[in-house]
């Protein structure tokens, strides 16, 4: 099982987060779960090479 660390915080009504290995790629949502799900999707795209030049 692979472990990936992430950081997230609340800014007003939004929750914002990023993968610690890829801090340039932030995501946001209205609940704590939204950025987490977006980060999982982002990590899958990065690992599958869907996002070039990383």
PDB file of N, CA and C in Angstrom:
ATOM      1  N   UNK A   1       0.841  -1.175   0.000  1.00  0.00           N
ATOM      2  CA  UNK A   1       0.000   0.000   0.000  1.00  0.00           C
ATOM      3  C   UNK A   1       0.887   1.240   0.000  1.00  0.00           C
ATOM      4  N   UNK A   2       0.605   2.171  -0.898  1.00  0.00           N
ATOM      5  CA  UNK A   2       1.382   3.393  -1.024  1.00  0.00           C
ATOM      6  C   UNK A   2       0.771   4.493  -0.157  1.00  0.00           C
ATOM      7  N   UNK A   3       1.629   5.240   0.505  1.00  0.00           N
ATOM      8  CA  UNK A   3       1.185   6.357   1.328  1.00  0.00           C
ATOM      9  C   UNK A   3       1.626   7.663   0.684  1.00  0.00           C
ATOM     10  N   UNK A   4       0.706   8.587   0.577  1.00  0.00           N
ATOM     11  CA  UNK A   4       0.996   9.909   0.031  1.00  0.00           C
ATOM     12  C   UNK A   4       0.518  10.951   1.026  1.00  0.00           C
ATOM     13  N   UNK A   5       1.369  11.905   1.318  1.00  0.00           N
ATOM     14  CA  UNK A   5       1.001  12.958   2.266  1.00  0.00           C
ATOM     15  C   UNK A   5       0.414  14.147   1.521  1.00  0.00           C
ATOM     16  N   UNK A   6      -0.531  14.789   2.165  1.00  0.00           N
ATOM     17  CA  UNK A   6      -1.158  15.968   1.585  1.00  0.00           C
ATOM     18  C   UNK A   6      -1.386  17.001   2.675  1.00  0.00           C
ATOM     19  N   UNK A   7      -1.619  18.230   2.247  1.00  0.00           N
ATOM     20  CA  UNK A   7      -1.880  19.336   3.153  1.00  0.00           C
ATOM     21  C   UNK A   7      -3.180  19.985   2.728  1.00  0.00           C
ATOM     22  N   UNK A   8      -4.037  20.316   3.697  1.00  0.00           N
ATOM     23  CA  UNK A   8      -5.239  21.073   3.360  1.00  0.00           C
ATOM     24  C   UNK A   8      -5.617  21.991   4.503  1.00  0.00           C
ATOM     25  N   UNK A   9      -6.359  23.033   4.168  1.00  0.00           N
ATOM     26  CA  UNK A   9      -6.775  24.029   5.150  1.00  0.00           C
ATOM     27  C   UNK A   9      -8.085  24.651   4.694  1.00  0.00           C
ATOM     28  N   UNK A  10      -8.718  25.350   5.612  1.00  0.00           N
ATOM     29  CA  UNK A  10      -9.960  26.046   5.303  1.00  0.00           C
ATOM     30  C   UNK A  10      -9.655  27.529   5.125  1.00  0.00           C
ATOM     31  N   UNK A  11     -10.184  28.084   4.039  1.00  0.00           N
ATOM     32  CA  UNK A  11     -10.038  29.510   3.744  1.00  0.00           C
ATOM     33  C   UNK A  11     -11.438  30.044   3.462  1.00  0.00           C
ATOM     34  N   UNK A  12     -12.033  30.665   4.456  1.00  0.00           N
ATOM     35  CA  UNK A  12     -13.422  31.099   4.313  1.00  0.00           C
ATOM     36  C   UNK A  12     -14.320  29.882   4.236  1.00  0.00           C
ATOM     37  N   UNK A  13     -15.106  29.794   3.168  1.00  0.00           N
ATOM     38  CA  UNK A  13     -16.012  28.655   3.018  1.00  0.00           C
ATOM     39  C   UNK A  13     -15.396  27.508   2.229  1.00  0.00           C
ATOM     40  N   UNK A  14     -14.178  27.675   1.722  1.00  0.00           N
ATOM     41  CA  UNK A  14     -13.521  26.655   0.907  1.00  0.00           C
ATOM     42  C   UNK A  14     -12.472  25.884   1.689  1.00  0.00           C
ATOM     43  N   UNK A  15     -12.304  24.617   1.318  1.00  0.00           N
ATOM     44  CA  UNK A  15     -11.205  23.793   1.790  1.00  0.00           C
ATOM     45  C   UNK A  15     -10.245  23.651   0.616  1.00  0.00           C
ATOM     46  N   UNK A  16      -8.984  23.947   0.826  1.00  0.00           N
ATOM     47  CA  UNK A  16      -7.974  23.942  -0.224  1.00  0.00           C
ATOM     48  C   UNK A  16      -6.902  22.942   0.168  1.00  0.00           C
ATOM     49  N   UNK A  17      -6.388  22.206  -0.818  1.00  0.00           N
ATOM     50  CA  UNK A  17      -5.362  21.225  -0.507  1.00  0.00           C
ATOM     51  C   UNK A  17      -4.433  20.968  -1.670  1.00  0.00           C
ATOM     52  N   UNK A  18      -3.297  20.323  -1.348  1.00  0.00           N
ATOM     53  CA  UNK A  18      -2.350  19.913  -2.370  1.00  0.00           C
ATOM     54  C   UNK A  18      -1.596  18.681  -1.893  1.00  0.00           C
ATOM     55  N   UNK A  19      -1.056  17.934  -2.841  1.00  0.00           N
ATOM     56  CA  UNK A  19      -0.200  16.805  -2.523  1.00  0.00           C
ATOM     57  C   UNK A  19       1.168  17.365  -2.166  1.00  0.00           C
ATOM     58  N   UNK A  20       1.752  16.915  -1.071  1.00  0.00           N
ATOM     59  CA  UNK A  20       3.023  17.477  -0.622  1.00  0.00           C
ATOM     60  C   UNK A  20       4.133  17.297  -1.657  1.00  0.00           C
ATOM     61  N   UNK A  21       4.078  16.233  -2.455  1.00  0.00           N
ATOM     62  CA  UNK A  21       5.079  16.017  -3.501  1.00  0.00           C
ATOM     63  C   UNK A  21       4.842  16.896  -4.723  1.00  0.00           C
ATOM     64  N   UNK A  22       3.641  17.468  -4.858  1.00  0.00           N
ATOM     65  CA  UNK A  22       3.277  18.292  -6.012  1.00  0.00           C
ATOM     66  C   UNK A  22       2.547  19.560  -5.538  1.00  0.00           C
ATOM     67  N   UNK A  23       3.220  20.449  -4.827  1.00  0.00           N
ATOM     68  CA  UNK A  23       2.539  21.599  -4.219  1.00  0.00           C
ATOM     69  C   UNK A  23       2.005  22.625  -5.227  1.00  0.00           C
ATOM     70  N   UNK A  24       2.436  22.552  -6.477  1.00  0.00           N
ATOM     71  CA  UNK A  24       1.950  23.503  -7.483  1.00  0.00           C
ATOM     72  C   UNK A  24       0.532  23.187  -7.948  1.00  0.00           C
ATOM     73  N   UNK A  25       0.035  22.001  -7.620  1.00  0.00           N
ATOM     74  CA  UNK A  25      -1.285  21.563  -8.069  1.00  0.00           C
ATOM     75  C   UNK A  25      -2.261  21.567  -6.897  1.00  0.00           C
ATOM     76  N   UNK A  26      -2.966  22.662  -6.720  1.00  0.00           N
ATOM     77  CA  UNK A  26      -3.927  22.794  -5.616  1.00  0.00           C
ATOM     78  C   UNK A  26      -5.328  22.448  -6.108  1.00  0.00           C
ATOM     79  N   UNK A  27      -6.157  22.045  -5.174  1.00  0.00           N
ATOM     80  CA  UNK A  27      -7.560  21.781  -5.458  1.00  0.00           C
ATOM     81  C   UNK A  27      -8.395  22.340  -4.314  1.00  0.00           C
ATOM     82  N   UNK A  28      -9.688  22.516  -4.549  1.00  0.00           N
ATOM     83  CA  UNK A  28     -10.543  23.089  -3.514  1.00  0.00           C
ATOM     84  C   UNK A  28     -11.922  22.460  -3.554  1.00  0.00           C
ATOM     85  N   UNK A  29     -12.677  22.705  -2.487  1.00  0.00           N
ATOM     86  CA  UNK A  29     -14.036  22.209  -2.397  1.00  0.00           C
ATOM     87  C   UNK A  29     -14.759  22.866  -1.241  1.00  0.00           C
ATOM     88  N   UNK A  30     -16.065  22.613  -1.175  1.00  0.00           N
ATOM     89  CA  UNK A  30     -16.889  23.185  -0.108  1.00  0.00           C
ATOM     90  C   UNK A  30     -16.909  22.341   1.158  1.00  0.00           C
ATOM     91  N   UNK A  31     -16.459  21.074   1.060  1.00  0.00           N
ATOM     92  CA  UNK A  31     -16.405  20.210   2.237  1.00  0.00           C
ATOM     93  C   UNK A  31     -15.000  19.639   2.357  1.00  0.00           C
ATOM     94  N   UNK A  32     -14.687  19.028   3.498  1.00  0.00           N
ATOM     95  CA  UNK A  32     -13.366  18.430   3.683  1.00  0.00           C
ATOM     96  C   UNK A  32     -13.139  17.268   2.713  1.00  0.00           C
ATOM     97  N   UNK A  33     -14.205  16.606   2.322  1.00  0.00           N
ATOM     98  CA  UNK A  33     -14.084  15.439   1.447  1.00  0.00           C
ATOM     99  C   UNK A  33     -13.782  15.809   0.000  1.00  0.00           C
ATOM    100  N   UNK A  34     -14.261  16.947  -0.462  1.00  0.00           N
ATOM    101  CA  UNK A  34     -14.072  17.332  -1.865  1.00  0.00           C
ATOM    102  C   UNK A  34     -12.602  17.454  -2.257  1.00  0.00           C
ATOM    103  N   UNK A  35     -11.786  18.224  -1.545  1.00  0.00           N
ATOM    104  CA  UNK A  35     -10.383  18.296  -1.947  1.00  0.00           C
ATOM    105  C   UNK A  35      -9.681  16.940  -1.857  1.00  0.00           C
ATOM    106  N   UNK A  36     -10.040  16.132  -0.867  1.00  0.00           N
ATOM    107  CA  UNK A  36      -9.432  14.811  -0.716  1.00  0.00           C
ATOM    108  C   UNK A  36      -9.721  13.950  -1.944  1.00  0.00           C
ATOM    109  N   UNK A  37     -10.969  13.928  -2.390  1.00  0.00           N
ATOM    110  CA  UNK A  37     -11.337  13.151  -3.579  1.00  0.00           C
ATOM    111  C   UNK A  37     -10.651  13.711  -4.821  1.00  0.00           C
ATOM    112  N   UNK A  38     -10.576  15.029  -4.932  1.00  0.00           N
ATOM    113  CA  UNK A  38      -9.894  15.651  -6.068  1.00  0.00           C
ATOM    114  C   UNK A  38      -8.407  15.307  -6.076  1.00  0.00           C
ATOM    115  N   UNK A  39      -7.798  15.267  -4.899  1.00  0.00           N
ATOM    116  CA  UNK A  39      -6.377  14.929  -4.813  1.00  0.00           C
ATOM    117  C   UNK A  39      -6.134  13.472  -5.192  1.00  0.00           C
ATOM    118  N   UNK A  40      -7.047  12.583  -4.833  1.00  0.00           N
ATOM    119  CA  UNK A  40      -6.919  11.189  -5.244  1.00  0.00           C
ATOM    120  C   UNK A  40      -6.975  11.080  -6.760  1.00  0.00           C
ATOM    121  N   UNK A  41      -7.884  11.822  -7.370  1.00  0.00           N
ATOM    122  CA  UNK A  41      -8.001  11.831  -8.823  1.00  0.00           C
ATOM    123  C   UNK A  41      -6.755  12.438  -9.472  1.00  0.00           C
ATOM    124  N   UNK A  42      -6.261  13.519  -8.907  1.00  0.00           N
ATOM    125  CA  UNK A  42      -5.059  14.159  -9.415  1.00  0.00           C
ATOM    126  C   UNK A  42      -3.869  13.206  -9.349  1.00  0.00           C
ATOM    127  N   UNK A  43      -3.706  12.502  -8.244  1.00  0.00           N
ATOM    128  CA  UNK A  43      -2.611  11.557  -8.100  1.00  0.00           C
ATOM    129  C   UNK A  43      -2.719  10.439  -9.136  1.00  0.00           C
ATOM    130  N   UNK A  44      -3.908   9.959  -9.371  1.00  0.00           N
ATOM    131  CA  UNK A  44      -4.101   8.923 -10.400  1.00  0.00           C
ATOM    132  C   UNK A  44      -3.697   9.451 -11.773  1.00  0.00           C
ATOM    133  N   UNK A  45      -4.050  10.695 -12.084  1.00  0.00           N
ATOM    134  CA  UNK A  45      -3.671  11.295 -13.370  1.00  0.00           C
ATOM    135  C   UNK A  45      -2.156  11.474 -13.478  1.00  0.00           C
ATOM    136  N   UNK A  46      -1.523  11.886 -12.395  1.00  0.00           N
ATOM    137  CA  UNK A  46      -0.070  12.069 -12.404  1.00  0.00           C
ATOM    138  C   UNK A  46       0.625  10.735 -12.608  1.00  0.00           C
ATOM    139  N   UNK A  47       0.186   9.708 -11.875  1.00  0.00           N
ATOM    140  CA  UNK A  47       0.833   8.407 -11.962  1.00  0.00           C
ATOM    141  C   UNK A  47       0.610   7.729 -13.309  1.00  0.00           C
ATOM    142  N   UNK A  48      -0.499   8.045 -13.983  1.00  0.00           N
ATOM    143  CA  UNK A  48      -0.778   7.449 -15.292  1.00  0.00           C
ATOM    144  C   UNK A  48      -0.207   8.287 -16.430  1.00  0.00           C
ATOM    145  N   UNK A  49       0.500   9.364 -16.093  1.00  0.00           N
ATOM    146  CA  UNK A  49       1.121  10.253 -17.070  1.00  0.00           C
ATOM    147  C   UNK A  49       0.099  11.061 -17.888  1.00  0.00           C
ATOM    148  N   UNK A  50      -1.118  11.218 -17.370  1.00  0.00           N
ATOM    149  CA  UNK A  50      -2.139  12.041 -18.028  1.00  0.00           C
ATOM    150  C   UNK A  50      -1.753  13.515 -18.015  1.00  0.00           C
ATOM    151  N   UNK A  51      -0.997  13.915 -17.004  1.00  0.00           N
ATOM    152  CA  UNK A  51      -0.523  15.292 -16.894  1.00  0.00           C
ATOM    153  C   UNK A  51       0.942  15.293 -17.310  1.00  0.00           C
ATOM    154  N   UNK A  52       1.265  15.902 -18.444  1.00  0.00           N
ATOM    155  CA  UNK A  52       2.644  15.840 -18.939  1.00  0.00           C
ATOM    156  C   UNK A  52       3.583  16.783 -18.193  1.00  0.00           C
ATOM    157  N   UNK A  53       4.868  16.518 -18.322  1.00  0.00           N
ATOM    158  CA  UNK A  53       5.954  17.368 -17.839  1.00  0.00           C
ATOM    159  C   UNK A  53       6.031  17.512 -16.329  1.00  0.00           C
ATOM    160  N   UNK A  54       5.655  16.491 -15.611  1.00  0.00           N
ATOM    161  CA  UNK A  54       5.812  16.520 -14.143  1.00  0.00           C
ATOM    162  C   UNK A  54       7.029  15.709 -13.782  1.00  0.00           C
TER     163      UNK A  54
END
